[in-house]
Amino acid sequence: MASTKITVNNNGSLKIEGDFEIVDRNGNAYDLAGRDTVAICRCGLSANKPFCDGSHKGHFEHDAVAFALPPKKVV
């Protein structure tokens, strides 16, 4: 089974590694040019959204520490 790992970086991007596909809101796949690792922008400053271009440096603070989500809502 193929796996995907998403790492939340301190003060920066989401790093995605493994077997994955990224699509736009219409379901069209981005051409990742054979990459199996990409960084996704979290700060909104990248000129290359949804991909990170490093624009966050000095403008985005987040201490990436794992925590448990609250229980899933039951409808």
N, C-alpha and C. Protein backbone atom coordinates (compact mmCIF):
# COMPACT_ATOMS: atom_id res chain seq x y z
N MET A 1 0.84 -1.18 0.00
CA MET A 1 0.00 0.00 0.00
C MET A 1 0.88 1.24 0.00
N ALA A 2 0.65 2.17 -0.92
CA ALA A 2 1.40 3.41 -0.98
C ALA A 2 0.99 4.30 0.19
N SER A 3 1.93 5.13 0.63
CA SER A 3 1.61 6.01 1.74
C SER A 3 2.00 7.44 1.42
N THR A 4 1.36 8.34 2.13
CA THR A 4 1.63 9.76 2.01
C THR A 4 1.91 10.29 3.41
N LYS A 5 2.94 11.13 3.52
CA LYS A 5 3.29 11.75 4.79
C LYS A 5 3.20 13.26 4.62
N ILE A 6 2.48 13.93 5.54
CA ILE A 6 2.37 15.38 5.54
C ILE A 6 3.02 15.89 6.81
N THR A 7 4.03 16.74 6.66
CA THR A 7 4.74 17.30 7.80
C THR A 7 4.40 18.78 7.91
N VAL A 8 3.92 19.21 9.08
CA VAL A 8 3.64 20.61 9.34
C VAL A 8 4.94 21.23 9.86
N ASN A 9 5.55 22.08 9.05
CA ASN A 9 6.82 22.70 9.42
C ASN A 9 6.59 23.93 10.30
N ASN A 10 7.49 24.13 11.27
CA ASN A 10 7.46 25.34 12.07
C ASN A 10 7.59 26.55 11.15
N ASN A 11 6.77 27.55 11.36
CA ASN A 11 6.89 28.83 10.64
C ASN A 11 6.95 28.66 9.13
N GLY A 12 6.26 27.69 8.59
CA GLY A 12 6.36 27.49 7.16
C GLY A 12 5.31 26.58 6.57
N SER A 13 5.73 25.87 5.56
CA SER A 13 4.87 25.10 4.68
C SER A 13 4.42 23.76 5.24
N LEU A 14 3.55 23.12 4.47
CA LEU A 14 3.21 21.72 4.68
C LEU A 14 4.03 20.93 3.67
N LYS A 15 4.84 20.02 4.14
CA LYS A 15 5.66 19.19 3.26
C LYS A 15 4.90 17.89 3.01
N ILE A 16 4.67 17.57 1.73
CA ILE A 16 3.95 16.36 1.36
C ILE A 16 4.92 15.43 0.65
N GLU A 17 5.01 14.20 1.15
CA GLU A 17 5.92 13.21 0.58
C GLU A 17 5.18 11.91 0.32
N GLY A 18 5.59 11.22 -0.72
CA GLY A 18 5.04 9.89 -0.98
C GLY A 18 4.27 9.82 -2.26
N ASP A 19 3.18 9.05 -2.23
CA ASP A 19 2.33 8.84 -3.39
C ASP A 19 1.08 9.70 -3.21
N PHE A 20 0.95 10.76 -4.01
CA PHE A 20 -0.18 11.66 -3.86
C PHE A 20 -0.47 12.35 -5.20
N GLU A 21 -1.63 12.95 -5.26
CA GLU A 21 -2.05 13.77 -6.39
C GLU A 21 -2.63 15.05 -5.80
N ILE A 22 -2.35 16.19 -6.42
CA ILE A 22 -2.93 17.45 -6.00
C ILE A 22 -3.80 17.95 -7.15
N VAL A 23 -5.07 18.25 -6.83
CA VAL A 23 -6.00 18.69 -7.85
C VAL A 23 -6.58 20.05 -7.48
N ASP A 24 -7.02 20.80 -8.51
CA ASP A 24 -7.68 22.08 -8.26
C ASP A 24 -9.15 21.83 -7.92
N ARG A 25 -9.89 22.90 -7.71
CA ARG A 25 -11.30 22.74 -7.29
C ARG A 25 -12.17 22.07 -8.33
N ASN A 26 -11.70 22.01 -9.58
CA ASN A 26 -12.44 21.34 -10.63
C ASN A 26 -12.00 19.89 -10.84
N GLY A 27 -11.06 19.44 -10.04
CA GLY A 27 -10.58 18.07 -10.15
C GLY A 27 -9.43 17.89 -11.13
N ASN A 28 -8.92 18.99 -11.69
CA ASN A 28 -7.79 18.91 -12.62
C ASN A 28 -6.48 18.78 -11.85
N ALA A 29 -5.67 17.81 -12.23
CA ALA A 29 -4.41 17.54 -11.52
C ALA A 29 -3.33 18.54 -11.91
N TYR A 30 -2.58 19.00 -10.90
CA TYR A 30 -1.39 19.80 -11.14
C TYR A 30 -0.31 18.89 -11.70
N ASP A 31 0.47 19.38 -12.64
CA ASP A 31 1.61 18.63 -13.18
C ASP A 31 2.77 18.82 -12.22
N LEU A 32 3.09 17.80 -11.46
CA LEU A 32 4.15 17.87 -10.46
C LEU A 32 5.51 17.49 -11.03
N ALA A 33 5.58 17.27 -12.32
CA ALA A 33 6.85 16.99 -13.02
C ALA A 33 7.63 15.85 -12.36
N GLY A 34 6.92 14.82 -11.93
CA GLY A 34 7.57 13.64 -11.38
C GLY A 34 8.00 13.76 -9.92
N ARG A 35 7.69 14.87 -9.27
CA ARG A 35 8.10 15.05 -7.87
C ARG A 35 7.31 14.11 -6.95
N ASP A 36 7.99 13.61 -5.93
CA ASP A 36 7.30 12.85 -4.88
C ASP A 36 7.37 13.58 -3.56
N THR A 37 7.86 14.83 -3.59
CA THR A 37 7.87 15.73 -2.43
C THR A 37 7.58 17.14 -2.92
N VAL A 38 6.62 17.80 -2.27
CA VAL A 38 6.33 19.20 -2.56
C VAL A 38 6.04 19.92 -1.25
N ALA A 39 6.10 21.24 -1.28
CA ALA A 39 5.75 22.06 -0.12
C ALA A 39 4.54 22.91 -0.49
N ILE A 40 3.53 22.89 0.36
CA ILE A 40 2.30 23.65 0.14
C ILE A 40 2.31 24.88 1.05
N CYS A 41 1.95 26.03 0.48
CA CYS A 41 1.93 27.30 1.20
C CYS A 41 0.86 27.29 2.29
N ARG A 42 1.20 27.78 3.47
CA ARG A 42 0.22 27.98 4.55
C ARG A 42 0.02 29.44 4.88
N CYS A 43 0.96 30.30 4.47
CA CYS A 43 0.91 31.70 4.88
C CYS A 43 0.11 32.58 3.93
N GLY A 44 -0.09 32.14 2.70
CA GLY A 44 -0.83 32.93 1.73
C GLY A 44 0.01 33.94 0.97
N LEU A 45 1.32 33.99 1.23
CA LEU A 45 2.19 34.98 0.59
C LEU A 45 2.87 34.49 -0.68
N SER A 46 2.84 33.20 -0.95
CA SER A 46 3.53 32.64 -2.11
C SER A 46 2.98 33.16 -3.42
N ALA A 47 3.87 33.47 -4.35
CA ALA A 47 3.47 33.86 -5.69
C ALA A 47 3.19 32.62 -6.54
N ASN A 48 3.44 31.45 -5.98
CA ASN A 48 3.32 30.18 -6.69
C ASN A 48 2.29 29.27 -6.01
N LYS A 49 1.24 29.87 -5.42
CA LYS A 49 0.22 29.09 -4.71
C LYS A 49 -0.38 28.03 -5.63
N PRO A 50 -0.66 26.85 -5.16
CA PRO A 50 -0.68 26.47 -3.76
C PRO A 50 0.69 26.04 -3.22
N PHE A 51 1.72 26.17 -4.03
CA PHE A 51 3.05 25.70 -3.63
C PHE A 51 3.82 26.80 -2.92
N CYS A 52 4.66 26.42 -2.00
CA CYS A 52 5.47 27.35 -1.22
C CYS A 52 6.65 27.85 -2.04
N ASP A 53 6.92 29.15 -1.95
CA ASP A 53 8.10 29.71 -2.61
C ASP A 53 9.05 30.37 -1.60
N GLY A 54 8.81 30.17 -0.31
CA GLY A 54 9.68 30.71 0.73
C GLY A 54 9.31 32.11 1.17
N SER A 55 8.25 32.69 0.64
CA SER A 55 7.86 34.06 0.99
C SER A 55 7.49 34.22 2.46
N HIS A 56 7.17 33.13 3.15
CA HIS A 56 6.76 33.18 4.55
C HIS A 56 7.88 33.60 5.50
N LYS A 57 9.11 33.46 5.08
CA LYS A 57 10.24 33.70 5.99
C LYS A 57 10.16 35.09 6.62
N GLY A 58 10.06 35.10 7.94
CA GLY A 58 9.97 36.34 8.70
C GLY A 58 8.57 36.94 8.76
N HIS A 59 7.59 36.28 8.14
CA HIS A 59 6.23 36.83 8.08
C HIS A 59 5.16 35.86 8.60
N PHE A 60 5.56 34.73 9.10
CA PHE A 60 4.58 33.71 9.48
C PHE A 60 5.13 32.94 10.67
N GLU A 61 4.37 32.89 11.75
CA GLU A 61 4.82 32.17 12.93
C GLU A 61 3.80 31.11 13.34
N HIS A 62 4.30 29.92 13.48
CA HIS A 62 3.47 28.81 13.97
C HIS A 62 4.39 27.75 14.52
N ASP A 63 4.18 27.38 15.78
CA ASP A 63 4.96 26.32 16.40
C ASP A 63 4.24 25.01 16.14
N ALA A 64 4.79 24.19 15.26
CA ALA A 64 4.14 22.95 14.85
C ALA A 64 4.34 21.86 15.90
N VAL A 65 3.33 21.71 16.76
CA VAL A 65 3.35 20.68 17.79
C VAL A 65 2.04 19.90 17.68
N ALA A 66 2.14 18.59 17.57
CA ALA A 66 0.96 17.74 17.39
C ALA A 66 0.06 17.79 18.62
N PHE A 67 -1.25 17.68 18.36
CA PHE A 67 -2.24 17.63 19.43
C PHE A 67 -3.42 16.80 18.96
N ALA A 68 -4.27 16.41 19.89
CA ALA A 68 -5.45 15.62 19.54
C ALA A 68 -6.62 16.53 19.20
N LEU A 69 -7.31 16.24 18.12
CA LEU A 69 -8.54 16.96 17.77
C LEU A 69 -9.65 16.55 18.73
N PRO A 70 -10.66 17.41 18.90
CA PRO A 70 -11.80 17.02 19.72
C PRO A 70 -12.55 15.89 19.04
N PRO A 71 -13.40 15.18 19.76
CA PRO A 71 -14.14 14.08 19.15
C PRO A 71 -14.91 14.54 17.92
N LYS A 72 -15.04 13.64 16.96
CA LYS A 72 -15.78 13.90 15.73
C LYS A 72 -17.24 14.13 16.05
N LYS A 73 -17.83 15.14 15.43
CA LYS A 73 -19.25 15.43 15.66
C LYS A 73 -20.10 14.36 15.02
N VAL A 74 -21.14 13.95 15.73
CA VAL A 74 -22.07 12.94 15.23
C VAL A 74 -23.35 13.66 14.85
N VAL A 75 -23.80 13.45 13.64
CA VAL A 75 -25.00 14.14 13.16
C VAL A 75 -26.21 13.26 13.34
